Amino acid sequence: MEFADLAEQRQSDRRYDSRPVDRAQLVKCIEAARLAPSACNSQPWKFVVIDDSTLRDEAAEAVAGMGMNGFARQVPVFVAVVLEKMNLTARIGSVIKDKEYSLLDIGMAVENFCLQATALGLGTCIIGWFDERRMKRLLGVRHKRIPVVIAVGHPAAEHRPKARKPLDEMSSWNAY
């Protein structure tokens, strides 16, 4: 698949069928995330796969329990992305330049994960609205953040056409 086609196919899926997700496919997605660039090669992430049925049901409640994301109750796999410490060079650069490099890094790793999932015929949804405290307790995460959770499964809905701003509204050349 050409990259432009892959980028066009990737969407936020909110309906999944009941088929389990093959672990080998999940490993390929994690490998794609592992290869993402990061500031000073810091790699400030840990991807925690939640595929045990009991744990997954509890994770679904953490995702759907705040009145949002009701679809989470039928998601076969969740991947919690834990924000790890950046290495010293990246931390210093982040402070000096007043930029949160670690969140940029996680964004690139998560997108690599999702693009690989799309290439494998899986659907994903990157979720930022969830009960983080509950998710941290569930996974035993202490003193760290979980900025996003990724829903993963076999999509049960058709691909939707993308609604995006035209190029001239979202880009320019040589000046703002």
Protein backbone atom coordinates (compact mmCIF):
# COMPACT_ATOMS: atom_id res chain seq x y z
CA MET A 1 0.00 0.00 0.00
CA GLU A 2 1.33 3.45 -0.88
CA PHE A 3 1.90 5.73 2.11
CA ALA A 4 -0.69 8.29 0.91
CA ASP A 5 -3.28 5.49 0.71
CA LEU A 6 -2.34 4.29 4.18
CA ALA A 7 -2.67 7.82 5.62
CA GLU A 8 -6.05 8.18 3.93
CA GLN A 9 -7.27 4.80 5.24
CA ARG A 10 -6.29 5.39 8.88
CA GLN A 11 -9.28 6.63 10.86
CA SER A 12 -10.67 6.64 14.39
CA ASP A 13 -12.77 3.49 14.51
CA ARG A 14 -15.49 3.32 17.13
CA ARG A 15 -17.12 0.03 16.12
CA TYR A 16 -15.34 -3.32 16.26
CA ASP A 17 -16.43 -6.86 15.58
CA SER A 18 -15.91 -9.64 18.12
CA ARG A 19 -12.87 -11.27 16.50
CA PRO A 20 -9.79 -11.39 18.74
CA VAL A 21 -6.69 -9.50 17.63
CA ASP A 22 -3.72 -11.70 16.85
CA ARG A 23 -0.78 -11.04 19.17
CA ALA A 24 1.64 -11.21 16.25
CA GLN A 25 -0.19 -8.26 14.69
CA LEU A 26 0.02 -6.33 17.95
CA VAL A 27 3.75 -7.04 18.13
CA LYS A 28 4.15 -5.59 14.62
CA CYS A 29 2.31 -2.45 15.75
CA ILE A 30 4.51 -2.12 18.83
CA GLU A 31 7.60 -2.63 16.68
CA ALA A 32 6.45 0.21 14.40
CA ALA A 33 6.00 2.41 17.49
CA ARG A 34 9.44 1.41 18.76
CA LEU A 35 11.00 2.64 15.53
CA ALA A 36 9.46 6.13 15.83
CA PRO A 37 11.85 9.07 16.17
CA SER A 38 12.23 10.83 19.50
CA ALA A 39 14.16 13.79 20.84
CA CYS A 40 17.74 12.71 21.54
CA ASN A 41 16.60 9.11 20.98
CA SER A 42 14.96 9.31 24.41
CA GLN A 43 12.07 6.93 23.56
CA PRO A 44 9.96 8.16 26.52
CA TRP A 45 7.18 5.58 26.22
CA LYS A 46 6.00 2.18 27.30
CA PHE A 47 3.14 0.48 25.47
CA VAL A 48 1.06 -1.71 27.82
CA VAL A 49 -1.19 -4.13 25.92
CA ILE A 50 -4.44 -5.04 27.66
CA ASP A 51 -5.90 -8.19 26.12
CA ASP A 52 -6.84 -10.27 29.18
CA SER A 53 -10.67 -10.30 29.12
CA THR A 54 -11.18 -9.33 32.77
CA LEU A 55 -8.56 -6.60 32.69
CA ARG A 56 -9.87 -5.39 29.31
CA ASP A 57 -13.39 -5.06 30.74
CA GLU A 58 -12.05 -2.98 33.62
CA ALA A 59 -10.01 -0.85 31.20
CA ALA A 60 -13.15 -0.35 29.09
CA GLU A 61 -14.93 1.04 32.15
CA ALA A 62 -12.02 3.43 32.78
CA VAL A 63 -12.33 4.61 29.17
CA ALA A 64 -16.15 4.72 29.01
CA GLY A 65 -16.95 5.47 32.64
CA MET A 66 -16.89 9.25 32.39
CA GLY A 67 -19.87 9.51 30.05
CA MET A 68 -17.74 9.44 26.91
CA ASN A 69 -16.50 6.65 24.66
CA GLY A 70 -19.32 4.18 25.22
CA PHE A 71 -17.94 2.19 22.28
CA ALA A 72 -15.03 1.15 24.52
CA ARG A 73 -17.11 -1.63 26.04
CA GLN A 74 -16.85 -3.64 22.81
CA VAL A 75 -13.14 -2.98 22.08
CA PRO A 76 -11.14 -6.24 22.03
CA VAL A 77 -7.72 -4.75 22.96
CA PHE A 78 -6.51 -1.56 24.59
CA VAL A 79 -2.96 -0.26 24.58
CA ALA A 80 -2.14 2.21 27.35
CA VAL A 81 0.79 4.47 26.50
CA VAL A 82 2.78 5.35 29.61
CA LEU A 83 4.88 8.49 29.55
CA GLU A 84 8.39 7.55 30.67
CA LYS A 85 11.19 9.94 31.60
CA MET A 86 13.19 11.46 28.79
CA ASN A 87 16.94 11.03 28.88
CA LEU A 88 18.98 13.89 30.34
CA THR A 89 19.79 15.56 27.03
CA ALA A 90 16.14 15.60 25.94
CA ARG A 91 15.01 16.88 29.37
CA ILE A 92 17.52 19.73 29.25
CA GLY A 93 16.52 20.61 25.69
CA SER A 94 12.85 20.49 26.62
CA VAL A 95 13.41 22.99 29.43
CA ILE A 96 15.69 25.31 27.44
CA LYS A 97 13.37 25.40 24.43
CA ASP A 98 10.15 25.30 26.50
CA LYS A 99 8.77 22.43 24.42
CA GLU A 100 7.26 19.23 25.70
CA TYR A 101 9.36 16.90 23.54
CA SER A 102 8.12 13.77 25.29
CA LEU A 103 4.52 14.38 24.19
CA LEU A 104 5.65 15.07 20.63
CA ASP A 105 7.62 11.82 20.76
CA ILE A 106 4.63 9.84 22.03
CA GLY A 107 2.49 11.33 19.27
CA MET A 108 4.89 10.04 16.62
CA ALA A 109 5.13 6.59 18.22
CA VAL A 110 1.35 6.31 18.55
CA GLU A 111 0.83 7.33 14.93
CA ASN A 112 3.38 4.72 13.80
CA PHE A 113 1.45 2.13 15.83
CA CYS A 114 -1.87 3.17 14.27
CA LEU A 115 -0.55 3.30 10.71
CA GLN A 116 0.89 -0.19 11.09
CA ALA A 117 -2.44 -1.39 12.47
CA THR A 118 -4.20 0.10 9.45
CA ALA A 119 -1.74 -1.65 7.10
CA LEU A 120 -2.65 -4.93 8.83
CA GLY A 121 -6.38 -4.35 8.39
CA LEU A 122 -6.97 -3.40 12.03
CA GLY A 123 -8.83 -0.36 13.29
CA THR A 124 -7.68 1.99 16.03
CA CYS A 125 -8.92 4.96 18.01
CA ILE A 126 -6.56 7.18 20.00
CA ILE A 127 -8.36 8.11 23.21
CA GLY A 128 -7.37 10.98 25.47
CA TRP A 129 -10.63 11.27 27.45
CA PHE A 130 -10.59 8.53 30.09
CA ASP A 131 -10.24 8.06 33.84
CA GLU A 132 -6.45 8.15 34.07
CA ARG A 133 -6.33 7.47 37.82
CA ARG A 134 -8.44 4.36 37.38
CA MET A 135 -6.33 3.17 34.45
CA LYS A 136 -3.12 3.73 36.42
CA ARG A 137 -4.46 1.75 39.39
CA LEU A 138 -5.58 -1.04 37.06
CA LEU A 139 -2.12 -1.34 35.46
CA GLY A 140 -0.01 -0.62 38.54
CA VAL A 141 1.43 2.61 37.12
CA ARG A 142 2.82 4.93 39.78
CA HIS A 143 4.26 8.43 39.50
CA LYS A 144 3.84 8.48 35.72
CA ARG A 145 1.18 9.68 33.30
CA ILE A 146 -0.87 7.78 30.73
CA PRO A 147 -1.59 10.49 28.15
CA VAL A 148 -3.45 8.23 25.70
CA VAL A 149 -5.03 4.82 25.33
CA ILE A 150 -5.35 3.18 21.92
CA ALA A 151 -8.38 1.02 21.12
CA VAL A 152 -7.48 -1.79 18.71
CA GLY A 153 -9.64 -4.30 16.88
CA HIS A 154 -11.17 -5.40 13.61
CA PRO A 155 -13.33 -2.50 12.40
CA ALA A 156 -17.05 -3.23 12.01
CA ALA A 157 -17.90 -0.05 10.11
CA GLU A 158 -17.08 1.14 6.63
CA HIS A 159 -14.25 3.53 5.95
CA ARG A 160 -15.44 7.14 6.09
CA PRO A 161 -14.28 9.84 3.68
CA LYS A 162 -11.99 12.27 5.47
CA ALA A 163 -13.21 15.81 6.08
CA ARG A 164 -10.09 17.94 6.09
CA LYS A 165 -9.29 21.58 5.51
CA PRO A 166 -8.03 22.39 2.02
CA LEU A 167 -4.24 22.61 1.61
CA ASP A 168 -4.29 26.41 1.23
CA GLU A 169 -6.05 26.78 4.63
CA MET A 170 -3.62 24.57 6.52
CA SER A 171 -0.34 25.36 4.80
CA SER A 172 1.61 28.21 3.27
CA TRP A 173 4.95 28.82 1.66
CA ASN A 174 7.70 31.11 3.00
CA ALA A 175 5.46 33.10 5.35
CA TYR A 176 2.60 32.54 7.75
